[in-house]
Amino acid sequence: GFFVKYGDGGADLHPIMRLFKVQVFQLASFLGVNESILERPPTTDTYSAEVSQVEFYYGLDFERMDLITWGMETGVPSAEIAAVLGLTSAQVECAFTNIMRKRKATEYLRSAPPTLIGQGQESPIDPVLGDHQPARA
């Protein structure tokens, strides 16, 4: 779904991050989340115009998008997915391309910010002693 760097992702634990949208709704229903919340269409909340995530970003309903994404990630041929969803193989291939393009374009939102010192490298300045470090042998 829609993701805001240091917004949705600003947490120490992401217990539902790998769930598909349909699974999130199923879990919410199981947990007894109020129906008015479950029935409210997800929006991007980015623009003043009433635009759903489906219209803005995906072009397919969540059930179809979840199945296409799952199929893409697990290597299910597009023809098999198309047969289940009543789409053409070309439509599924187009969805594959769109998903990959959007993932690539938004990769920076899911990555940690760069650091000045590489992983496994030692800081040139001791955090306690500062520049007043004893010489190393």
N, C-alpha and C. Protein backbone atom coordinates (compact mmCIF):
# COMPACT_ATOMS: atom_id res chain seq x y z
N GLY A 1 0.81 -1.19 0.00
CA GLY A 1 0.00 0.00 0.00
C GLY A 1 0.85 1.25 0.00
N PHE A 2 0.22 2.36 0.23
CA PHE A 2 0.90 3.64 0.26
C PHE A 2 1.77 3.72 1.50
N PHE A 3 2.96 4.26 1.38
CA PHE A 3 3.95 4.24 2.46
C PHE A 3 4.63 5.59 2.54
N VAL A 4 4.74 6.13 3.74
CA VAL A 4 5.40 7.41 3.95
C VAL A 4 6.66 7.17 4.77
N LYS A 5 7.82 7.54 4.22
CA LYS A 5 9.09 7.35 4.93
C LYS A 5 9.04 8.12 6.25
N TYR A 6 9.43 7.46 7.31
CA TYR A 6 9.41 7.99 8.68
C TYR A 6 7.97 8.26 9.15
N GLY A 7 6.99 7.79 8.40
CA GLY A 7 5.59 7.87 8.80
C GLY A 7 5.18 6.47 9.19
N ASP A 8 4.58 5.75 8.22
CA ASP A 8 4.17 4.36 8.46
C ASP A 8 5.35 3.50 8.89
N GLY A 9 6.51 3.77 8.29
CA GLY A 9 7.69 2.95 8.55
C GLY A 9 8.43 3.33 9.81
N GLY A 10 8.02 4.39 10.50
CA GLY A 10 8.72 4.86 11.69
C GLY A 10 8.32 4.08 12.92
N ALA A 11 8.61 2.79 12.94
CA ALA A 11 8.25 1.94 14.08
C ALA A 11 9.37 0.94 14.32
N ASP A 12 9.42 0.43 15.53
CA ASP A 12 10.43 -0.57 15.88
C ASP A 12 10.02 -1.97 15.47
N LEU A 13 8.74 -2.17 15.21
CA LEU A 13 8.22 -3.49 14.87
C LEU A 13 7.17 -3.34 13.78
N HIS A 14 7.24 -4.18 12.78
CA HIS A 14 6.26 -4.17 11.68
C HIS A 14 5.59 -5.54 11.60
N PRO A 15 4.66 -5.84 12.50
CA PRO A 15 4.11 -7.19 12.58
C PRO A 15 3.27 -7.61 11.38
N ILE A 16 2.72 -6.68 10.63
CA ILE A 16 1.88 -7.06 9.48
C ILE A 16 2.49 -6.65 8.15
N MET A 17 3.75 -6.25 8.16
CA MET A 17 4.38 -5.70 6.96
C MET A 17 4.34 -6.65 5.76
N ARG A 18 4.50 -7.93 5.97
CA ARG A 18 4.56 -8.89 4.86
C ARG A 18 3.19 -9.46 4.48
N LEU A 19 2.14 -8.98 5.14
CA LEU A 19 0.80 -9.44 4.78
C LEU A 19 0.31 -8.70 3.55
N PHE A 20 -0.49 -9.39 2.75
CA PHE A 20 -1.14 -8.74 1.63
C PHE A 20 -2.33 -7.95 2.17
N LYS A 21 -2.79 -6.98 1.40
CA LYS A 21 -3.88 -6.10 1.83
C LYS A 21 -5.12 -6.90 2.23
N VAL A 22 -5.48 -7.90 1.44
CA VAL A 22 -6.65 -8.72 1.75
C VAL A 22 -6.45 -9.43 3.09
N GLN A 23 -5.23 -9.89 3.37
CA GLN A 23 -4.96 -10.55 4.64
C GLN A 23 -5.08 -9.58 5.82
N VAL A 24 -4.69 -8.34 5.61
CA VAL A 24 -4.82 -7.33 6.67
C VAL A 24 -6.30 -7.12 7.00
N PHE A 25 -7.14 -7.03 5.98
CA PHE A 25 -8.58 -6.87 6.21
C PHE A 25 -9.15 -8.11 6.90
N GLN A 26 -8.70 -9.31 6.52
CA GLN A 26 -9.17 -10.53 7.17
C GLN A 26 -8.76 -10.56 8.64
N LEU A 27 -7.53 -10.18 8.93
CA LEU A 27 -7.05 -10.13 10.30
C LEU A 27 -7.85 -9.11 11.12
N ALA A 28 -8.08 -7.94 10.54
CA ALA A 28 -8.84 -6.90 11.23
C ALA A 28 -10.26 -7.39 11.55
N SER A 29 -10.87 -8.08 10.61
CA SER A 29 -12.21 -8.62 10.83
C SER A 29 -12.18 -9.66 11.95
N PHE A 30 -11.20 -10.54 11.93
CA PHE A 30 -11.04 -11.57 12.96
C PHE A 30 -10.86 -10.94 14.34
N LEU A 31 -10.13 -9.83 14.40
CA LEU A 31 -9.86 -9.16 15.67
C LEU A 31 -11.03 -8.29 16.14
N GLY A 32 -12.07 -8.17 15.30
CA GLY A 32 -13.25 -7.42 15.70
C GLY A 32 -13.19 -5.93 15.45
N VAL A 33 -12.37 -5.52 14.49
CA VAL A 33 -12.31 -4.10 14.14
C VAL A 33 -13.69 -3.67 13.63
N ASN A 34 -14.12 -2.49 14.02
CA ASN A 34 -15.42 -1.96 13.66
C ASN A 34 -15.64 -2.01 12.15
N GLU A 35 -16.84 -2.46 11.74
CA GLU A 35 -17.18 -2.58 10.32
C GLU A 35 -17.01 -1.27 9.56
N SER A 36 -17.32 -0.14 10.20
CA SER A 36 -17.20 1.15 9.50
C SER A 36 -15.75 1.42 9.10
N ILE A 37 -14.82 0.91 9.86
CA ILE A 37 -13.40 1.06 9.52
C ILE A 37 -13.05 0.11 8.39
N LEU A 38 -13.53 -1.13 8.48
CA LEU A 38 -13.23 -2.12 7.45
C LEU A 38 -13.81 -1.74 6.09
N GLU A 39 -14.96 -1.08 6.09
CA GLU A 39 -15.62 -0.73 4.84
C GLU A 39 -15.13 0.58 4.24
N ARG A 40 -14.38 1.35 5.01
CA ARG A 40 -13.86 2.63 4.50
C ARG A 40 -12.78 2.36 3.46
N PRO A 41 -12.94 2.90 2.25
CA PRO A 41 -11.92 2.64 1.22
C PRO A 41 -10.59 3.31 1.58
N PRO A 42 -9.49 2.58 1.46
CA PRO A 42 -8.17 3.19 1.71
C PRO A 42 -7.92 4.31 0.72
N THR A 43 -7.35 5.39 1.20
CA THR A 43 -7.00 6.51 0.32
C THR A 43 -5.53 6.85 0.52
N THR A 44 -5.01 7.61 -0.41
CA THR A 44 -3.62 8.04 -0.30
C THR A 44 -3.48 9.16 0.72
N ASP A 45 -4.56 9.90 0.98
CA ASP A 45 -4.54 11.06 1.87
C ASP A 45 -3.47 12.07 1.46
N THR A 46 -3.10 12.05 0.19
CA THR A 46 -2.06 12.94 -0.30
C THR A 46 -2.64 14.12 -1.06
N TYR A 47 -3.74 13.90 -1.73
CA TYR A 47 -4.35 14.94 -2.54
C TYR A 47 -5.70 15.33 -1.96
N SER A 48 -6.13 16.55 -2.21
CA SER A 48 -7.41 17.00 -1.70
C SER A 48 -8.57 16.32 -2.42
N ALA A 49 -8.37 15.88 -3.65
CA ALA A 49 -9.42 15.21 -4.40
C ALA A 49 -9.67 13.82 -3.82
N GLU A 50 -10.91 13.38 -3.88
CA GLU A 50 -11.25 12.03 -3.43
C GLU A 50 -10.73 11.02 -4.46
N VAL A 51 -9.63 10.38 -4.15
CA VAL A 51 -9.03 9.39 -5.04
C VAL A 51 -8.66 8.18 -4.20
N SER A 52 -9.14 7.02 -4.60
CA SER A 52 -8.79 5.81 -3.85
C SER A 52 -7.40 5.34 -4.26
N GLN A 53 -6.81 4.48 -3.43
CA GLN A 53 -5.51 3.91 -3.78
C GLN A 53 -5.61 3.11 -5.07
N VAL A 54 -6.75 2.45 -5.27
CA VAL A 54 -6.94 1.66 -6.49
C VAL A 54 -6.83 2.56 -7.71
N GLU A 55 -7.54 3.68 -7.70
CA GLU A 55 -7.52 4.60 -8.84
C GLU A 55 -6.17 5.28 -8.98
N PHE A 56 -5.61 5.70 -7.86
CA PHE A 56 -4.38 6.49 -7.87
C PHE A 56 -3.16 5.66 -8.25
N TYR A 57 -3.06 4.48 -7.71
CA TYR A 57 -1.79 3.76 -7.78
C TYR A 57 -1.86 2.44 -8.54
N TYR A 58 -2.90 1.68 -8.31
CA TYR A 58 -2.90 0.30 -8.80
C TYR A 58 -3.69 0.08 -10.08
N GLY A 59 -4.91 0.57 -10.14
CA GLY A 59 -5.74 0.30 -11.30
C GLY A 59 -6.46 -1.03 -11.22
N LEU A 60 -6.21 -1.81 -10.17
CA LEU A 60 -6.90 -3.08 -9.93
C LEU A 60 -7.35 -3.11 -8.48
N ASP A 61 -8.43 -3.87 -8.22
CA ASP A 61 -8.86 -4.01 -6.83
C ASP A 61 -7.82 -4.83 -6.06
N PHE A 62 -7.88 -4.74 -4.73
CA PHE A 62 -6.86 -5.37 -3.90
C PHE A 62 -6.82 -6.89 -4.04
N GLU A 63 -7.98 -7.51 -4.22
CA GLU A 63 -7.99 -8.97 -4.36
C GLU A 63 -7.17 -9.40 -5.58
N ARG A 64 -7.40 -8.73 -6.69
CA ARG A 64 -6.64 -9.06 -7.91
C ARG A 64 -5.17 -8.69 -7.77
N MET A 65 -4.92 -7.50 -7.23
CA MET A 65 -3.53 -7.04 -7.08
C MET A 65 -2.75 -7.97 -6.15
N ASP A 66 -3.38 -8.40 -5.05
CA ASP A 66 -2.70 -9.31 -4.13
C ASP A 66 -2.34 -10.62 -4.82
N LEU A 67 -3.29 -11.18 -5.57
CA LEU A 67 -3.03 -12.45 -6.24
C LEU A 67 -1.95 -12.30 -7.32
N ILE A 68 -1.99 -11.22 -8.06
CA ILE A 68 -0.97 -10.97 -9.08
C ILE A 68 0.40 -10.80 -8.43
N THR A 69 0.47 -10.04 -7.35
CA THR A 69 1.74 -9.82 -6.66
C THR A 69 2.27 -11.13 -6.09
N TRP A 70 1.39 -11.90 -5.44
CA TRP A 70 1.80 -13.20 -4.90
C TRP A 70 2.32 -14.10 -6.02
N GLY A 71 1.59 -14.14 -7.12
CA GLY A 71 2.01 -14.97 -8.25
C GLY A 71 3.36 -14.54 -8.81
N MET A 72 3.56 -13.24 -8.92
CA MET A 72 4.83 -12.72 -9.42
C MET A 72 5.97 -13.11 -8.48
N GLU A 73 5.74 -12.97 -7.17
CA GLU A 73 6.79 -13.26 -6.19
C GLU A 73 7.09 -14.75 -6.05
N THR A 74 6.14 -15.60 -6.39
CA THR A 74 6.34 -17.04 -6.24
C THR A 74 6.55 -17.76 -7.57
N GLY A 75 6.61 -17.01 -8.66
CA GLY A 75 6.93 -17.60 -9.96
C GLY A 75 5.77 -18.28 -10.68
N VAL A 76 4.54 -17.94 -10.33
CA VAL A 76 3.39 -18.51 -11.03
C VAL A 76 3.31 -17.85 -12.41
N PRO A 77 3.19 -18.65 -13.48
CA PRO A 77 3.12 -18.07 -14.83
C PRO A 77 1.92 -17.12 -14.98
N SER A 78 2.12 -16.08 -15.74
CA SER A 78 1.07 -15.08 -15.93
C SER A 78 -0.20 -15.69 -16.53
N ALA A 79 -0.06 -16.70 -17.37
CA ALA A 79 -1.23 -17.34 -17.98
C ALA A 79 -2.11 -18.01 -16.92
N GLU A 80 -1.49 -18.61 -15.90
CA GLU A 80 -2.26 -19.25 -14.83
C GLU A 80 -3.00 -18.21 -13.99
N ILE A 81 -2.32 -17.13 -13.69
CA ILE A 81 -2.95 -16.05 -12.91
C ILE A 81 -4.10 -15.45 -13.72
N ALA A 82 -3.86 -15.23 -15.00
CA ALA A 82 -4.88 -14.66 -15.87
C ALA A 82 -6.13 -15.53 -15.90
N ALA A 83 -5.94 -16.85 -15.98
CA ALA A 83 -7.08 -17.77 -16.03
C ALA A 83 -7.92 -17.69 -14.76
N VAL A 84 -7.27 -17.60 -13.62
CA VAL A 84 -7.98 -17.52 -12.34
C VAL A 84 -8.74 -16.20 -12.21
N LEU A 85 -8.16 -15.12 -12.69
CA LEU A 85 -8.75 -13.79 -12.52
C LEU A 85 -9.63 -13.33 -13.67
N GLY A 86 -9.68 -14.10 -14.74
CA GLY A 86 -10.48 -13.68 -15.89
C GLY A 86 -9.85 -12.53 -16.65
N LEU A 87 -8.53 -12.48 -16.63
CA LEU A 87 -7.77 -11.46 -17.37
C LEU A 87 -7.01 -12.13 -18.49
N THR A 88 -6.41 -11.33 -19.35
CA THR A 88 -5.52 -11.89 -20.36
C THR A 88 -4.12 -11.99 -19.77
N SER A 89 -3.31 -12.83 -20.36
CA SER A 89 -1.92 -12.96 -19.93
C SER A 89 -1.20 -11.62 -20.10
N ALA A 90 -1.54 -10.89 -21.15
CA ALA A 90 -0.92 -9.57 -21.40
C ALA A 90 -1.28 -8.59 -20.28
N GLN A 91 -2.51 -8.64 -19.78
CA GLN A 91 -2.90 -7.76 -18.68
C GLN A 91 -2.11 -8.08 -17.41
N VAL A 92 -1.90 -9.36 -17.15
CA VAL A 92 -1.13 -9.77 -15.97
C VAL A 92 0.33 -9.36 -16.14
N GLU A 93 0.88 -9.55 -17.33
CA GLU A 93 2.27 -9.12 -17.59
C GLU A 93 2.41 -7.61 -17.40
N CYS A 94 1.41 -6.86 -17.85
CA CYS A 94 1.42 -5.41 -17.67
C CYS A 94 1.40 -5.07 -16.17
N ALA A 95 0.60 -5.80 -15.40
CA ALA A 95 0.56 -5.58 -13.95
C ALA A 95 1.91 -5.91 -13.32
N PHE A 96 2.55 -7.02 -13.76
CA PHE A 96 3.90 -7.37 -13.27
C PHE A 96 4.85 -6.19 -13.50
N THR A 97 4.83 -5.66 -14.72
CA THR A 97 5.72 -4.55 -15.08
C THR A 97 5.44 -3.33 -14.21
N ASN A 98 4.16 -3.01 -14.03
CA ASN A 98 3.80 -1.85 -13.21
C ASN A 98 4.24 -2.02 -11.76
N ILE A 99 4.06 -3.21 -11.22
CA ILE A 99 4.46 -3.47 -9.83
C ILE A 99 5.97 -3.28 -9.70
N MET A 100 6.73 -3.88 -10.59
CA MET A 100 8.19 -3.77 -10.52
C MET A 100 8.65 -2.33 -10.71
N ARG A 101 8.03 -1.61 -11.62
CA ARG A 101 8.38 -0.21 -11.87
C ARG A 101 8.11 0.63 -10.61
N LYS A 102 6.98 0.41 -9.99
CA LYS A 102 6.63 1.18 -8.79
C LYS A 102 7.52 0.81 -7.61
N ARG A 103 7.87 -0.46 -7.50
CA ARG A 103 8.78 -0.87 -6.43
C ARG A 103 10.14 -0.21 -6.61
N LYS A 104 10.62 -0.19 -7.84
CA LYS A 104 11.93 0.41 -8.10
C LYS A 104 11.89 1.92 -7.83
N ALA A 105 10.82 2.57 -8.27
CA ALA A 105 10.70 4.02 -8.09
C ALA A 105 10.57 4.43 -6.63
N THR A 106 10.06 3.52 -5.79
CA THR A 106 9.85 3.86 -4.37
C THR A 106 10.82 3.12 -3.45
N GLU A 107 11.85 2.52 -4.01
CA GLU A 107 12.82 1.77 -3.21
C GLU A 107 13.44 2.63 -2.12
N TYR A 108 13.72 3.88 -2.42
CA TYR A 108 14.34 4.77 -1.44
C TYR A 108 13.47 4.96 -0.20
N LEU A 109 12.16 4.80 -0.33
CA LEU A 109 11.28 4.95 0.82
C LEU A 109 11.45 3.82 1.83
N ARG A 110 11.87 2.66 1.35
CA ARG A 110 12.00 1.49 2.21
C ARG A 110 13.43 1.22 2.67
N SER A 111 14.37 2.03 2.23
CA SER A 111 15.77 1.79 2.59
C SER A 111 16.21 2.71 3.72
N ALA A 112 17.19 2.24 4.46
CA ALA A 112 17.74 3.05 5.55
C ALA A 112 18.52 4.21 4.96
N PRO A 113 18.58 5.33 5.66
CA PRO A 113 19.37 6.45 5.15
C PRO A 113 20.85 6.10 5.12
N PRO A 114 21.60 6.71 4.21
CA PRO A 114 23.04 6.41 4.14
C PRO A 114 23.77 6.92 5.38
N THR A 115 24.88 6.29 5.68
CA THR A 115 25.72 6.72 6.80
C THR A 115 27.04 7.23 6.25
N LEU A 116 27.74 8.01 7.05
CA LEU A 116 29.03 8.52 6.62
C LEU A 116 30.13 7.48 6.78
N ILE A 117 29.94 6.56 7.72
CA ILE A 117 30.93 5.52 7.97
C ILE A 117 30.30 4.20 7.56
N GLY A 118 30.99 3.43 6.74
CA GLY A 118 30.45 2.17 6.24
C GLY A 118 30.30 1.13 7.33
N GLN A 119 29.46 0.15 7.05
CA GLN A 119 29.24 -0.94 7.99
C GLN A 119 30.54 -1.68 8.23
N GLY A 120 30.86 -1.94 9.49
CA GLY A 120 32.08 -2.65 9.83
C GLY A 120 33.30 -1.76 9.95
N GLN A 121 33.16 -0.47 9.62
CA GLN A 121 34.28 0.46 9.73
C GLN A 121 34.23 1.15 11.09
N GLU A 122 35.38 1.51 11.58
CA GLU A 122 35.48 2.16 12.88
C GLU A 122 35.44 3.68 12.70
N SER A 123 34.75 4.33 13.61
CA SER A 123 34.69 5.79 13.59
C SER A 123 36.08 6.36 13.85
N PRO A 124 36.49 7.39 13.10
CA PRO A 124 37.81 7.98 13.34
C PRO A 124 37.87 8.75 14.66
N ILE A 125 36.73 9.07 15.24
CA ILE A 125 36.69 9.81 16.51
C ILE A 125 35.98 8.95 17.55
N ASP A 126 36.63 8.72 18.67
CA ASP A 126 36.04 7.94 19.75
C ASP A 126 34.85 8.71 20.32
N PRO A 127 33.69 8.05 20.48
CA PRO A 127 32.51 8.76 20.96
C PRO A 127 32.66 9.27 22.40
N VAL A 128 33.56 8.69 23.19
CA VAL A 128 33.76 9.13 24.58
C VAL A 128 34.93 10.10 24.68
N LEU A 129 36.05 9.72 24.09
CA LEU A 129 37.26 10.53 24.21
C LEU A 129 37.37 11.64 23.17
N GLY A 130 36.56 11.58 22.13
CA GLY A 130 36.65 12.57 21.07
C GLY A 130 37.99 12.47 20.37
N ASP A 131 38.61 13.61 20.08
CA ASP A 131 39.91 13.63 19.41
C ASP A 131 41.05 13.27 20.34
N HIS A 132 40.80 13.16 21.63
CA HIS A 132 41.86 12.93 22.62
C HIS A 132 42.05 11.45 22.89
N GLN A 133 42.24 10.68 21.84
CA GLN A 133 42.43 9.24 21.98
C GLN A 133 43.90 8.93 22.21
N PRO A 134 44.16 7.90 23.04
CA PRO A 134 45.55 7.47 23.16
C PRO A 134 46.01 6.84 21.84
N ALA A 135 47.27 6.95 21.56
CA ALA A 135 47.83 6.36 20.34
C ALA A 135 47.66 4.85 20.39
N ARG A 136 47.38 4.26 19.25
CA ARG A 136 47.21 2.81 19.19
C ARG A 136 48.53 2.17 18.78
N ALA A 137 48.77 1.02 19.35
CA ALA A 137 50.02 0.31 19.05
C ALA A 137 49.89 -0.49 17.78
